[in-house]
Amino acid sequence: MIRTLRRAIFALSLAGITAAVLRIKGKGGVPPQQGGWREITPPK
């Protein structure tokens, strides 16, 4: 029981560290310049 609990805590902490590193590192790039939403005119 204790061994399973230790493994679970280890796995959660490892996942948390990985998420923190990815968040800190990030990409921070420029948003795409093409595509996305555009206004359309309805047909008459």
PDB file of N, CA and C in Angstrom:
ATOM      1  N   MET A   1       0.829  -1.201   0.000  1.00  0.00           N
ATOM      2  CA  MET A   1       0.000   0.000   0.000  1.00  0.00           C
ATOM      3  C   MET A   1       0.875   1.267   0.000  1.00  0.00           C
ATOM      4  N   ILE A   2       1.861   1.307   0.866  1.00  0.00           N
ATOM      5  CA  ILE A   2       2.741   2.468   0.961  1.00  0.00           C
ATOM      6  C   ILE A   2       3.563   2.617  -0.322  1.00  0.00           C
ATOM      7  N   ARG A   3       4.001   1.502  -0.871  1.00  0.00           N
ATOM      8  CA  ARG A   3       4.792   1.537  -2.107  1.00  0.00           C
ATOM      9  C   ARG A   3       3.970   2.138  -3.250  1.00  0.00           C
ATOM     10  N   THR A   4       2.715   1.749  -3.350  1.00  0.00           N
ATOM     11  CA  THR A   4       1.834   2.280  -4.392  1.00  0.00           C
ATOM     12  C   THR A   4       1.623   3.776  -4.202  1.00  0.00           C
ATOM     13  N   LEU A   5       1.436   4.192  -2.958  1.00  0.00           N
ATOM     14  CA  LEU A   5       1.248   5.606  -2.658  1.00  0.00           C
ATOM     15  C   LEU A   5       2.500   6.400  -3.024  1.00  0.00           C
ATOM     16  N   ARG A   6       3.659   5.878  -2.715  1.00  0.00           N
ATOM     17  CA  ARG A   6       4.914   6.552  -3.067  1.00  0.00           C
ATOM     18  C   ARG A   6       5.063   6.671  -4.574  1.00  0.00           C
ATOM     19  N   ARG A   7       4.728   5.605  -5.288  1.00  0.00           N
ATOM     20  CA  ARG A   7       4.816   5.649  -6.755  1.00  0.00           C
ATOM     21  C   ARG A   7       3.851   6.685  -7.324  1.00  0.00           C
ATOM     22  N   ALA A   8       2.656   6.761  -6.773  1.00  0.00           N
ATOM     23  CA  ALA A   8       1.671   7.734  -7.254  1.00  0.00           C
ATOM     24  C   ALA A   8       2.157   9.161  -7.001  1.00  0.00           C
ATOM     25  N   ILE A   9       2.693   9.413  -5.819  1.00  0.00           N
ATOM     26  CA  ILE A   9       3.209  10.745  -5.500  1.00  0.00           C
ATOM     27  C   ILE A   9       4.379  11.093  -6.421  1.00  0.00           C
ATOM     28  N   PHE A  10       5.248  10.135  -6.659  1.00  0.00           N
ATOM     29  CA  PHE A  10       6.382  10.364  -7.552  1.00  0.00           C
ATOM     30  C   PHE A  10       5.911  10.694  -8.961  1.00  0.00           C
ATOM     31  N   ALA A  11       4.934   9.943  -9.458  1.00  0.00           N
ATOM     32  CA  ALA A  11       4.426  10.174 -10.818  1.00  0.00           C
ATOM     33  C   ALA A  11       3.775  11.552 -10.924  1.00  0.00           C
ATOM     34  N   LEU A  12       3.002  11.935  -9.913  1.00  0.00           N
ATOM     35  CA  LEU A  12       2.350  13.246  -9.943  1.00  0.00           C
ATOM     36  C   LEU A  12       3.366  14.383  -9.865  1.00  0.00           C
ATOM     37  N   SER A  13       4.371  14.210  -9.041  1.00  0.00           N
ATOM     38  CA  SER A  13       5.379  15.266  -8.930  1.00  0.00           C
ATOM     39  C   SER A  13       6.189  15.370 -10.228  1.00  0.00           C
ATOM     40  N   LEU A  14       6.490  14.246 -10.844  1.00  0.00           N
ATOM     41  CA  LEU A  14       7.213  14.260 -12.111  1.00  0.00           C
ATOM     42  C   LEU A  14       6.380  14.951 -13.195  1.00  0.00           C
ATOM     43  N   ALA A  15       5.097  14.663 -13.232  1.00  0.00           N
ATOM     44  CA  ALA A  15       4.215  15.317 -14.205  1.00  0.00           C
ATOM     45  C   ALA A  15       4.135  16.813 -13.939  1.00  0.00           C
ATOM     46  N   GLY A  16       4.085  17.208 -12.683  1.00  0.00           N
ATOM     47  CA  GLY A  16       4.037  18.631 -12.333  1.00  0.00           C
ATOM     48  C   GLY A  16       5.303  19.360 -12.734  1.00  0.00           C
ATOM     49  N   ILE A  17       6.447  18.737 -12.501  1.00  0.00           N
ATOM     50  CA  ILE A  17       7.720  19.347 -12.879  1.00  0.00           C
ATOM     51  C   ILE A  17       7.804  19.499 -14.398  1.00  0.00           C
ATOM     52  N   THR A  18       7.379  18.465 -15.105  1.00  0.00           N
ATOM     53  CA  THR A  18       7.394  18.520 -16.572  1.00  0.00           C
ATOM     54  C   THR A  18       6.482  19.639 -17.083  1.00  0.00           C
ATOM     55  N   ALA A  19       5.290  19.747 -16.511  1.00  0.00           N
ATOM     56  CA  ALA A  19       4.359  20.800 -16.933  1.00  0.00           C
ATOM     57  C   ALA A  19       4.935  22.187 -16.634  1.00  0.00           C
ATOM     58  N   ALA A  20       5.575  22.337 -15.490  1.00  0.00           N
ATOM     59  CA  ALA A  20       6.160  23.628 -15.132  1.00  0.00           C
ATOM     60  C   ALA A  20       7.287  24.007 -16.090  1.00  0.00           C
ATOM     61  N   VAL A  21       8.120  23.043 -16.433  1.00  0.00           N
ATOM     62  CA  VAL A  21       9.225  23.323 -17.363  1.00  0.00           C
ATOM     63  C   VAL A  21       8.677  23.718 -18.729  1.00  0.00           C
ATOM     64  N   LEU A  22       7.677  22.998 -19.202  1.00  0.00           N
ATOM     65  CA  LEU A  22       7.103  23.323 -20.512  1.00  0.00           C
ATOM     66  C   LEU A  22       6.435  24.694 -20.494  1.00  0.00           C
ATOM     67  N   ARG A  23       5.795  25.047 -19.388  1.00  0.00           N
ATOM     68  CA  ARG A  23       5.130  26.341 -19.290  1.00  0.00           C
ATOM     69  C   ARG A  23       6.157  27.470 -19.257  1.00  0.00           C
ATOM     70  N   ILE A  24       7.233  27.265 -18.508  1.00  0.00           N
ATOM     71  CA  ILE A  24       8.264  28.295 -18.403  1.00  0.00           C
ATOM     72  C   ILE A  24       8.991  28.453 -19.734  1.00  0.00           C
ATOM     73  N   LYS A  25       9.311  27.322 -20.345  1.00  0.00           N
ATOM     74  CA  LYS A  25      10.036  27.362 -21.615  1.00  0.00           C
ATOM     75  C   LYS A  25       9.159  28.002 -22.685  1.00  0.00           C
ATOM     76  N   GLY A  26       7.989  27.443 -22.885  1.00  0.00           N
ATOM     77  CA  GLY A  26       7.012  27.995 -23.820  1.00  0.00           C
ATOM     78  C   GLY A  26       7.569  28.232 -25.211  1.00  0.00           C
ATOM     79  N   LYS A  27       6.735  28.739 -26.082  1.00  0.00           N
ATOM     80  CA  LYS A  27       7.189  29.082 -27.425  1.00  0.00           C
ATOM     81  C   LYS A  27       7.244  30.589 -27.565  1.00  0.00           C
ATOM     82  N   GLY A  28       6.184  31.277 -27.161  1.00  0.00           N
ATOM     83  CA  GLY A  28       6.179  32.731 -27.225  1.00  0.00           C
ATOM     84  C   GLY A  28       6.392  33.290 -28.616  1.00  0.00           C
ATOM     85  N   GLY A  29       6.009  32.550 -29.627  1.00  0.00           N
ATOM     86  CA  GLY A  29       6.206  32.997 -31.000  1.00  0.00           C
ATOM     87  C   GLY A  29       5.193  34.036 -31.421  1.00  0.00           C
ATOM     88  N   VAL A  30       5.295  34.422 -32.667  1.00  0.00           N
ATOM     89  CA  VAL A  30       4.375  35.400 -33.249  1.00  0.00           C
ATOM     90  C   VAL A  30       3.126  34.667 -33.709  1.00  0.00           C
ATOM     91  N   PRO A  31       1.954  35.217 -33.450  1.00  0.00           N
ATOM     92  CA  PRO A  31       0.727  34.563 -33.922  1.00  0.00           C
ATOM     93  C   PRO A  31       0.686  34.497 -35.453  1.00  0.00           C
ATOM     94  N   PRO A  32      -0.042  33.555 -36.004  1.00  0.00           N
ATOM     95  CA  PRO A  32      -0.085  33.421 -37.466  1.00  0.00           C
ATOM     96  C   PRO A  32      -0.612  34.687 -38.138  1.00  0.00           C
ATOM     97  N   GLN A  33      -0.010  35.036 -39.254  1.00  0.00           N
ATOM     98  CA  GLN A  33      -0.380  36.250 -39.972  1.00  0.00           C
ATOM     99  C   GLN A  33      -1.426  35.979 -41.054  1.00  0.00           C
ATOM    100  N   GLN A  34      -1.659  34.723 -41.390  1.00  0.00           N
ATOM    101  CA  GLN A  34      -2.640  34.389 -42.414  1.00  0.00           C
ATOM    102  C   GLN A  34      -3.691  33.472 -41.823  1.00  0.00           C
ATOM    103  N   GLY A  35      -4.829  33.409 -42.491  1.00  0.00           N
ATOM    104  CA  GLY A  35      -5.885  32.517 -42.047  1.00  0.00           C
ATOM    105  C   GLY A  35      -6.714  33.161 -40.947  1.00  0.00           C
ATOM    106  N   GLY A  36      -7.488  32.370 -40.286  1.00  0.00           N
ATOM    107  CA  GLY A  36      -8.321  32.880 -39.212  1.00  0.00           C
ATOM    108  C   GLY A  36      -9.665  33.360 -39.725  1.00  0.00           C
ATOM    109  N   TRP A  37     -10.333  34.168 -38.907  1.00  0.00           N
ATOM    110  CA  TRP A  37     -11.665  34.650 -39.245  1.00  0.00           C
ATOM    111  C   TRP A  37     -11.563  35.883 -40.134  1.00  0.00           C
ATOM    112  N   ARG A  38     -12.526  36.017 -41.015  1.00  0.00           N
ATOM    113  CA  ARG A  38     -12.643  37.230 -41.814  1.00  0.00           C
ATOM    114  C   ARG A  38     -14.114  37.548 -42.003  1.00  0.00           C
ATOM    115  N   GLU A  39     -14.387  38.813 -42.174  1.00  0.00           N
ATOM    116  CA  GLU A  39     -15.769  39.245 -42.316  1.00  0.00           C
ATOM    117  C   GLU A  39     -16.266  38.913 -43.709  1.00  0.00           C
ATOM    118  N   ILE A  40     -17.496  38.455 -43.793  1.00  0.00           N
ATOM    119  CA  ILE A  40     -18.078  38.167 -45.100  1.00  0.00           C
ATOM    120  C   ILE A  40     -19.325  39.022 -45.286  1.00  0.00           C
ATOM    121  N   THR A  41     -19.657  39.281 -46.531  1.00  0.00           N
ATOM    122  CA  THR A  41     -20.890  40.032 -46.807  1.00  0.00           C
ATOM    123  C   THR A  41     -21.977  39.031 -47.188  1.00  0.00           C
ATOM    124  N   PRO A  42     -23.143  39.166 -46.589  1.00  0.00           N
ATOM    125  CA  PRO A  42     -24.223  38.218 -46.898  1.00  0.00           C
ATOM    126  C   PRO A  42     -24.743  38.415 -48.325  1.00  0.00           C
ATOM    127  N   PRO A  43     -25.152  37.339 -48.983  1.00  0.00           N
ATOM    128  CA  PRO A  43     -25.702  37.478 -50.350  1.00  0.00           C
ATOM    129  C   PRO A  43     -27.034  38.223 -50.349  1.00  0.00           C
ATOM    130  N   LYS A  44     -27.302  38.960 -51.435  1.00  0.00           N
ATOM    131  CA  LYS A  44     -28.555  39.727 -51.506  1.00  0.00           C
ATOM    132  C   LYS A  44     -29.564  39.077 -52.410  1.00  0.00           C
TER     133      LYS A  44
END
